[in-house]
């Protein structure tokens, strides 16, 4: 992939904690997406399970959403397995 010099320059100014937060959100979104895909659960069906609209689920799965512990617990309960695994 071609690097964008302006983007790379801007990225240098982002604080480390923000980079870590974004990385965690993406990891969580990937975990949810993996579980959904492995169980053949469509985004629409997951939205119904969570009593949310599809647009919100889409934000969750894009990695742009910050998750609360309450939301993570609800997702774990709905899917029947942990979203965040602590070693």
N, C-alpha and C. Protein backbone atom coordinates (compact mmCIF):
# COMPACT_ATOMS: atom_id res chain seq x y z
N UNK A 1 0.84 -1.17 0.00
CA UNK A 1 0.00 0.00 0.00
C UNK A 1 0.90 1.24 0.00
N UNK A 2 0.55 2.22 -0.82
CA UNK A 2 1.30 3.45 -0.92
C UNK A 2 1.08 4.29 0.34
N UNK A 3 2.16 4.83 0.89
CA UNK A 3 2.07 5.66 2.08
C UNK A 3 1.79 7.10 1.68
N UNK A 4 0.97 7.74 2.49
CA UNK A 4 0.66 9.14 2.30
C UNK A 4 1.51 9.93 3.28
N UNK A 5 2.42 10.75 2.78
CA UNK A 5 3.34 11.48 3.64
C UNK A 5 2.62 12.40 4.63
N UNK A 6 1.57 13.07 4.19
CA UNK A 6 0.83 13.97 5.07
C UNK A 6 0.17 13.18 6.19
N UNK A 7 -0.42 12.04 5.84
CA UNK A 7 -1.05 11.20 6.85
C UNK A 7 -0.01 10.73 7.86
N UNK A 8 1.12 10.26 7.39
CA UNK A 8 2.18 9.79 8.28
C UNK A 8 2.66 10.91 9.19
N UNK A 9 2.76 12.10 8.68
CA UNK A 9 3.19 13.25 9.48
C UNK A 9 2.16 13.57 10.57
N UNK A 10 0.89 13.54 10.19
CA UNK A 10 -0.19 13.79 11.16
C UNK A 10 -0.23 12.70 12.23
N UNK A 11 -0.01 11.47 11.82
CA UNK A 11 -0.04 10.35 12.75
C UNK A 11 1.00 10.48 13.85
N UNK A 12 2.11 11.10 13.54
CA UNK A 12 3.17 11.31 14.53
C UNK A 12 2.71 12.21 15.68
N UNK A 13 1.70 13.03 15.45
CA UNK A 13 1.24 13.96 16.48
C UNK A 13 0.16 13.36 17.38
N UNK A 14 -0.31 12.16 17.05
CA UNK A 14 -1.36 11.52 17.84
C UNK A 14 -0.73 10.92 19.09
N UNK A 15 -1.27 11.25 20.27
CA UNK A 15 -0.72 10.71 21.51
C UNK A 15 -0.80 9.18 21.56
N UNK A 16 0.13 8.57 22.25
CA UNK A 16 0.22 7.11 22.34
C UNK A 16 -1.05 6.50 22.90
N UNK A 17 -1.67 7.15 23.90
CA UNK A 17 -2.87 6.57 24.50
C UNK A 17 -4.04 6.55 23.52
N UNK A 18 -4.09 7.52 22.62
CA UNK A 18 -5.14 7.53 21.59
C UNK A 18 -4.91 6.41 20.59
N UNK A 19 -3.66 6.22 20.20
CA UNK A 19 -3.33 5.12 19.29
C UNK A 19 -3.70 3.78 19.93
N UNK A 20 -3.42 3.63 21.22
CA UNK A 20 -3.76 2.39 21.92
C UNK A 20 -5.26 2.19 22.02
N UNK A 21 -6.00 3.26 22.28
CA UNK A 21 -7.46 3.18 22.34
C UNK A 21 -8.05 2.71 21.02
N UNK A 22 -7.59 3.29 19.94
CA UNK A 22 -8.07 2.92 18.61
C UNK A 22 -7.71 1.46 18.32
N UNK A 23 -6.52 1.06 18.68
CA UNK A 23 -6.09 -0.32 18.47
C UNK A 23 -6.98 -1.29 19.24
N UNK A 24 -7.30 -0.97 20.49
CA UNK A 24 -8.18 -1.82 21.29
C UNK A 24 -9.58 -1.90 20.69
N UNK A 25 -10.10 -0.77 20.25
CA UNK A 25 -11.43 -0.76 19.63
C UNK A 25 -11.46 -1.64 18.38
N UNK A 26 -10.40 -1.59 17.60
CA UNK A 26 -10.33 -2.41 16.39
C UNK A 26 -10.20 -3.88 16.76
N UNK A 27 -9.41 -4.20 17.79
CA UNK A 27 -9.29 -5.59 18.24
C UNK A 27 -10.64 -6.14 18.70
N UNK A 28 -11.38 -5.33 19.45
CA UNK A 28 -12.70 -5.75 19.93
C UNK A 28 -13.65 -5.96 18.75
N UNK A 29 -13.65 -5.02 17.82
CA UNK A 29 -14.51 -5.14 16.64
C UNK A 29 -14.16 -6.39 15.84
N UNK A 30 -12.88 -6.68 15.71
CA UNK A 30 -12.45 -7.88 14.99
C UNK A 30 -12.90 -9.15 15.70
N UNK A 31 -12.85 -9.15 17.03
CA UNK A 31 -13.29 -10.31 17.80
C UNK A 31 -14.79 -10.55 17.60
N UNK A 32 -15.58 -9.48 17.68
CA UNK A 32 -17.02 -9.60 17.47
C UNK A 32 -17.31 -10.10 16.06
N UNK A 33 -16.63 -9.50 15.10
CA UNK A 33 -16.82 -9.90 13.70
C UNK A 33 -16.47 -11.37 13.50
N UNK A 34 -15.39 -11.82 14.11
CA UNK A 34 -14.96 -13.22 14.01
C UNK A 34 -16.04 -14.16 14.56
N UNK A 35 -16.58 -13.83 15.74
CA UNK A 35 -17.62 -14.67 16.34
C UNK A 35 -18.86 -14.70 15.45
N UNK A 36 -19.26 -13.54 14.96
CA UNK A 36 -20.44 -13.49 14.10
C UNK A 36 -20.24 -14.34 12.85
N UNK A 37 -19.09 -14.18 12.23
CA UNK A 37 -18.81 -14.92 10.99
C UNK A 37 -18.73 -16.42 11.27
N UNK A 38 -18.09 -16.81 12.37
CA UNK A 38 -17.95 -18.23 12.67
C UNK A 38 -19.29 -18.90 12.98
N UNK A 39 -20.25 -18.11 13.43
CA UNK A 39 -21.59 -18.64 13.73
C UNK A 39 -22.60 -18.33 12.64
N UNK A 40 -22.12 -17.71 11.58
CA UNK A 40 -22.99 -17.33 10.47
C UNK A 40 -24.14 -16.42 10.92
N UNK A 41 -23.82 -15.48 11.81
CA UNK A 41 -24.80 -14.51 12.28
C UNK A 41 -24.62 -13.23 11.47
N UNK A 42 -25.68 -12.81 10.83
CA UNK A 42 -25.63 -11.59 10.03
C UNK A 42 -25.71 -10.36 10.94
N UNK A 43 -25.18 -9.25 10.45
CA UNK A 43 -25.18 -8.00 11.20
C UNK A 43 -26.60 -7.62 11.62
N UNK A 44 -27.55 -7.83 10.73
CA UNK A 44 -28.96 -7.51 11.03
C UNK A 44 -29.46 -8.34 12.21
N UNK A 45 -29.12 -9.63 12.21
CA UNK A 45 -29.54 -10.51 13.29
C UNK A 45 -28.87 -10.14 14.61
N UNK A 46 -27.60 -9.76 14.53
CA UNK A 46 -26.89 -9.32 15.73
C UNK A 46 -27.53 -8.06 16.29
N UNK A 47 -27.91 -7.15 15.42
CA UNK A 47 -28.59 -5.92 15.85
C UNK A 47 -29.88 -6.26 16.60
N UNK A 48 -30.64 -7.22 16.08
CA UNK A 48 -31.86 -7.64 16.75
C UNK A 48 -31.56 -8.26 18.12
N UNK A 49 -30.51 -9.08 18.18
CA UNK A 49 -30.11 -9.71 19.45
C UNK A 49 -29.75 -8.65 20.49
N UNK A 50 -29.13 -7.56 20.03
CA UNK A 50 -28.65 -6.52 20.94
C UNK A 50 -29.67 -5.41 21.16
N UNK A 51 -30.80 -5.50 20.47
CA UNK A 51 -31.83 -4.44 20.55
C UNK A 51 -31.25 -3.08 20.13
N UNK A 52 -30.48 -3.12 19.05
CA UNK A 52 -29.85 -1.92 18.49
C UNK A 52 -30.21 -1.84 17.02
N UNK A 53 -30.01 -0.65 16.45
CA UNK A 53 -30.23 -0.56 15.00
C UNK A 53 -28.94 -0.95 14.28
N UNK A 54 -29.10 -1.31 13.02
CA UNK A 54 -27.96 -1.78 12.24
C UNK A 54 -26.86 -0.74 12.10
N UNK A 55 -27.24 0.53 12.08
CA UNK A 55 -26.23 1.59 11.94
C UNK A 55 -25.28 1.59 13.14
N UNK A 56 -25.82 1.37 14.33
CA UNK A 56 -24.97 1.34 15.52
C UNK A 56 -24.05 0.11 15.49
N UNK A 57 -24.59 -1.02 15.09
CA UNK A 57 -23.77 -2.23 14.98
C UNK A 57 -22.67 -2.02 13.94
N UNK A 58 -23.00 -1.35 12.87
CA UNK A 58 -22.00 -1.04 11.84
C UNK A 58 -20.86 -0.22 12.43
N UNK A 59 -21.19 0.76 13.26
CA UNK A 59 -20.15 1.56 13.93
C UNK A 59 -19.31 0.68 14.85
N UNK A 60 -19.96 -0.24 15.56
CA UNK A 60 -19.22 -1.15 16.43
C UNK A 60 -18.22 -1.95 15.63
N UNK A 61 -18.67 -2.49 14.51
CA UNK A 61 -17.83 -3.38 13.72
C UNK A 61 -16.78 -2.66 12.89
N UNK A 62 -16.91 -1.34 12.78
CA UNK A 62 -15.90 -0.57 12.04
C UNK A 62 -14.68 -0.28 12.90
N UNK A 63 -14.82 -0.46 14.22
CA UNK A 63 -13.72 -0.15 15.12
C UNK A 63 -13.67 1.30 15.54
N UNK A 64 -14.67 2.08 15.12
CA UNK A 64 -14.68 3.51 15.45
C UNK A 64 -15.48 3.80 16.71
N UNK A 65 -16.00 2.75 17.34
CA UNK A 65 -16.84 2.91 18.52
C UNK A 65 -16.04 2.57 19.77
N UNK A 66 -16.14 3.41 20.79
CA UNK A 66 -15.54 3.10 22.08
C UNK A 66 -16.52 2.28 22.90
N UNK A 67 -16.11 1.12 23.39
CA UNK A 67 -16.99 0.22 24.11
C UNK A 67 -16.90 0.45 25.61
N UNK A 68 -18.06 0.48 26.28
CA UNK A 68 -18.07 0.50 27.74
C UNK A 68 -18.01 -0.94 28.22
N UNK A 69 -17.65 -1.12 29.47
CA UNK A 69 -17.64 -2.47 30.03
C UNK A 69 -19.05 -3.05 30.05
N UNK A 70 -20.05 -2.21 30.26
CA UNK A 70 -21.44 -2.66 30.24
C UNK A 70 -21.80 -3.21 28.87
N UNK A 71 -21.44 -2.49 27.83
CA UNK A 71 -21.73 -2.95 26.47
C UNK A 71 -20.99 -4.24 26.16
N UNK A 72 -19.74 -4.33 26.58
CA UNK A 72 -18.97 -5.56 26.34
C UNK A 72 -19.59 -6.74 27.07
N UNK A 73 -20.09 -6.51 28.28
CA UNK A 73 -20.76 -7.59 29.03
C UNK A 73 -22.03 -8.02 28.33
N UNK A 74 -22.80 -7.07 27.80
CA UNK A 74 -24.03 -7.40 27.07
C UNK A 74 -23.72 -8.18 25.80
N UNK A 75 -22.68 -7.79 25.10
CA UNK A 75 -22.29 -8.50 23.87
C UNK A 75 -21.85 -9.92 24.21
N UNK A 76 -21.03 -10.05 25.25
CA UNK A 76 -20.57 -11.37 25.68
C UNK A 76 -21.74 -12.27 26.05
N UNK A 77 -22.70 -11.72 26.79
CA UNK A 77 -23.87 -12.50 27.20
C UNK A 77 -24.70 -12.91 25.99
N UNK A 78 -24.89 -12.00 25.05
CA UNK A 78 -25.70 -12.29 23.87
C UNK A 78 -25.05 -13.36 22.99
N UNK A 79 -23.72 -13.32 22.89
CA UNK A 79 -23.01 -14.27 22.03
C UNK A 79 -22.58 -15.53 22.77
N UNK A 80 -22.64 -15.48 24.10
CA UNK A 80 -22.31 -16.66 24.89
C UNK A 80 -20.83 -16.97 24.99
N UNK A 81 -20.02 -15.98 24.76
CA UNK A 81 -18.58 -16.16 24.95
C UNK A 81 -17.91 -14.81 25.16
N UNK A 82 -16.73 -14.83 25.81
CA UNK A 82 -16.07 -13.56 26.13
C UNK A 82 -15.62 -12.81 24.88
N UNK A 83 -15.70 -11.50 24.96
CA UNK A 83 -15.19 -10.63 23.90
C UNK A 83 -13.77 -10.22 24.22
N UNK A 84 -13.53 -9.90 25.47
CA UNK A 84 -12.20 -9.52 25.93
C UNK A 84 -11.68 -10.67 26.79
N UNK A 85 -10.53 -11.21 26.42
CA UNK A 85 -9.92 -12.30 27.17
C UNK A 85 -8.67 -11.75 27.84
N UNK A 86 -8.68 -11.80 29.17
CA UNK A 86 -7.54 -11.29 29.93
C UNK A 86 -6.66 -12.47 30.32
N UNK A 87 -5.37 -12.40 29.95
CA UNK A 87 -4.46 -13.54 30.25
C UNK A 87 -4.24 -13.72 31.74
